[in-house]
Amino acid sequence: MTDHINKKLFGILTMVASFLMWLIDRITHAISDMLGKIICGDQYMLPVNGKISDRTCGFDTDMHLSFSLVIVFLLGAALYRTSRKETI
């Protein structure tokens, strides 16, 4: 019984946390900026063809962060779904 409650609670918390992180990043861009600075270091936000962007690292940190948060959200949804007590 407690295993179902723990999985359900963890699934809900995981989904809420990933959604809130996504929302905060969309509003402030603070999380993706911090992630880009950690991964790229001095290469972060250098001009490429006269435009400043984070593509100097070879990827777009916003897309990688969004993809990771979607995966975490789906993991939480799977935990929530598997924790439901099935009746026969």
C-alpha atoms as a PDB file:
ATOM      1  CA  MET A   1       0.000   0.000   0.000  1.00  0.00           C
ATOM      2  CA  THR A   2       2.712   2.500   0.918  1.00  0.00           C
ATOM      3  CA  ASP A   3       4.645   1.583  -2.236  1.00  0.00           C
ATOM      4  CA  HIS A   4       1.700   2.772  -4.336  1.00  0.00           C
ATOM      5  CA  ILE A   5       1.471   6.002  -2.327  1.00  0.00           C
ATOM      6  CA  ASN A   6       5.205   6.663  -2.589  1.00  0.00           C
ATOM      7  CA  LYS A   7       5.248   6.053  -6.355  1.00  0.00           C
ATOM      8  CA  LYS A   8       2.136   8.176  -6.808  1.00  0.00           C
ATOM      9  CA  LEU A   9       3.533  11.047  -4.720  1.00  0.00           C
ATOM     10  CA  PHE A  10       6.928  10.886  -6.419  1.00  0.00           C
ATOM     11  CA  GLY A  11       5.266  10.825  -9.835  1.00  0.00           C
ATOM     12  CA  ILE A  12       3.148  13.882  -9.036  1.00  0.00           C
ATOM     13  CA  LEU A  13       6.115  15.768  -7.572  1.00  0.00           C
ATOM     14  CA  THR A  14       8.246  14.913 -10.603  1.00  0.00           C
ATOM     15  CA  MET A  15       5.600  16.146 -13.026  1.00  0.00           C
ATOM     16  CA  VAL A  16       4.983  19.367 -11.077  1.00  0.00           C
ATOM     17  CA  ALA A  17       8.707  20.076 -10.664  1.00  0.00           C
ATOM     18  CA  SER A  18       9.461  19.612 -14.365  1.00  0.00           C
ATOM     19  CA  PHE A  19       6.508  21.788 -15.375  1.00  0.00           C
ATOM     20  CA  LEU A  20       7.522  24.548 -12.948  1.00  0.00           C
ATOM     21  CA  MET A  21      11.148  24.437 -14.113  1.00  0.00           C
ATOM     22  CA  TRP A  22       9.963  24.700 -17.722  1.00  0.00           C
ATOM     23  CA  LEU A  23       7.680  27.619 -16.856  1.00  0.00           C
ATOM     24  CA  ILE A  24      10.409  29.460 -14.944  1.00  0.00           C
ATOM     25  CA  ASP A  25      12.841  28.939 -17.805  1.00  0.00           C
ATOM     26  CA  ARG A  26      10.357  30.208 -20.379  1.00  0.00           C
ATOM     27  CA  ILE A  27       9.726  33.355 -18.326  1.00  0.00           C
ATOM     28  CA  THR A  28      13.265  34.188 -17.166  1.00  0.00           C
ATOM     29  CA  HIS A  29      15.651  32.016 -19.286  1.00  0.00           C
ATOM     30  CA  ALA A  30      17.765  31.715 -16.124  1.00  0.00           C
ATOM     31  CA  ILE A  31      17.982  27.919 -16.084  1.00  0.00           C
ATOM     32  CA  SER A  32      19.049  27.531 -19.711  1.00  0.00           C
ATOM     33  CA  ASP A  33      21.566  30.382 -19.355  1.00  0.00           C
ATOM     34  CA  MET A  34      23.099  28.724 -16.298  1.00  0.00           C
ATOM     35  CA  LEU A  35      23.172  25.352 -18.081  1.00  0.00           C
ATOM     36  CA  GLY A  36      24.849  26.911 -21.125  1.00  0.00           C
ATOM     37  CA  LYS A  37      27.497  28.617 -18.980  1.00  0.00           C
ATOM     38  CA  ILE A  38      28.254  25.377 -17.156  1.00  0.00           C
ATOM     39  CA  ILE A  39      28.550  23.294 -20.321  1.00  0.00           C
ATOM     40  CA  CYS A  40      30.224  25.797 -22.660  1.00  0.00           C
ATOM     41  CA  GLY A  41      32.316  27.921 -20.319  1.00  0.00           C
ATOM     42  CA  ASP A  42      34.049  30.727 -22.234  1.00  0.00           C
ATOM     43  CA  GLN A  43      32.459  29.707 -25.541  1.00  0.00           C
ATOM     44  CA  TYR A  44      28.968  30.671 -24.330  1.00  0.00           C
ATOM     45  CA  MET A  45      27.235  33.532 -26.157  1.00  0.00           C
ATOM     46  CA  LEU A  46      29.952  34.383 -28.669  1.00  0.00           C
ATOM     47  CA  PRO A  47      29.051  36.019 -31.984  1.00  0.00           C
ATOM     48  CA  VAL A  48      28.342  33.647 -34.872  1.00  0.00           C
ATOM     49  CA  ASN A  49      28.049  35.389 -38.257  1.00  0.00           C
ATOM     50  CA  GLY A  50      27.578  38.702 -36.456  1.00  0.00           C
ATOM     51  CA  LYS A  51      24.772  37.451 -34.170  1.00  0.00           C
ATOM     52  CA  ILE A  52      25.253  36.589 -30.516  1.00  0.00           C
ATOM     53  CA  SER A  53      23.883  33.157 -29.720  1.00  0.00           C
ATOM     54  CA  ASP A  54      24.533  30.044 -27.689  1.00  0.00           C
ATOM     55  CA  ARG A  55      25.129  27.993 -30.838  1.00  0.00           C
ATOM     56  CA  THR A  56      28.889  28.443 -30.505  1.00  0.00           C
ATOM     57  CA  CYS A  57      28.827  25.315 -28.330  1.00  0.00           C
ATOM     58  CA  GLY A  58      27.293  23.315 -31.142  1.00  0.00           C
ATOM     59  CA  PHE A  59      23.818  23.025 -29.675  1.00  0.00           C
ATOM     60  CA  ASP A  60      20.908  25.059 -28.403  1.00  0.00           C
ATOM     61  CA  THR A  61      20.645  24.755 -24.607  1.00  0.00           C
ATOM     62  CA  ASP A  62      16.948  25.684 -24.605  1.00  0.00           C
ATOM     63  CA  MET A  63      16.063  22.655 -26.699  1.00  0.00           C
ATOM     64  CA  HIS A  64      18.156  20.271 -24.638  1.00  0.00           C
ATOM     65  CA  LEU A  65      16.642  21.584 -21.408  1.00  0.00           C
ATOM     66  CA  SER A  66      13.114  21.317 -22.797  1.00  0.00           C
ATOM     67  CA  PHE A  67      13.766  17.777 -24.049  1.00  0.00           C
ATOM     68  CA  SER A  68      15.139  16.747 -20.650  1.00  0.00           C
ATOM     69  CA  LEU A  69      12.168  18.241 -18.815  1.00  0.00           C
ATOM     70  CA  VAL A  70       9.725  16.442 -21.112  1.00  0.00           C
ATOM     71  CA  ILE A  71      11.497  13.150 -20.379  1.00  0.00           C
ATOM     72  CA  VAL A  72      11.307  13.828 -16.620  1.00  0.00           C
ATOM     73  CA  PHE A  73       7.624  14.732 -16.960  1.00  0.00           C
ATOM     74  CA  LEU A  74       6.920  11.490 -18.835  1.00  0.00           C
ATOM     75  CA  LEU A  75       8.807   9.535 -16.176  1.00  0.00           C
ATOM     76  CA  GLY A  76       6.593  11.121 -13.511  1.00  0.00           C
ATOM     77  CA  ALA A  77       3.482  10.317 -15.541  1.00  0.00           C
ATOM     78  CA  ALA A  78       4.619   6.701 -15.885  1.00  0.00           C
ATOM     79  CA  LEU A  79       5.234   6.439 -12.138  1.00  0.00           C
ATOM     80  CA  TYR A  80       1.837   7.936 -11.420  1.00  0.00           C
ATOM     81  CA  ARG A  81       0.144   5.593 -13.885  1.00  0.00           C
ATOM     82  CA  THR A  82       1.822   2.468 -12.535  1.00  0.00           C
ATOM     83  CA  SER A  83       1.022   3.399  -8.940  1.00  0.00           C
ATOM     84  CA  ARG A  84      -2.720   3.343  -9.518  1.00  0.00           C
ATOM     85  CA  LYS A  85      -4.374   0.448  -7.801  1.00  0.00           C
ATOM     86  CA  GLU A  86      -5.991  -1.757 -10.403  1.00  0.00           C
ATOM     87  CA  THR A  87      -9.242  -3.483  -9.540  1.00  0.00           C
ATOM     88  CA  ILE A  88     -10.304  -6.663 -11.230  1.00  0.00           C
END
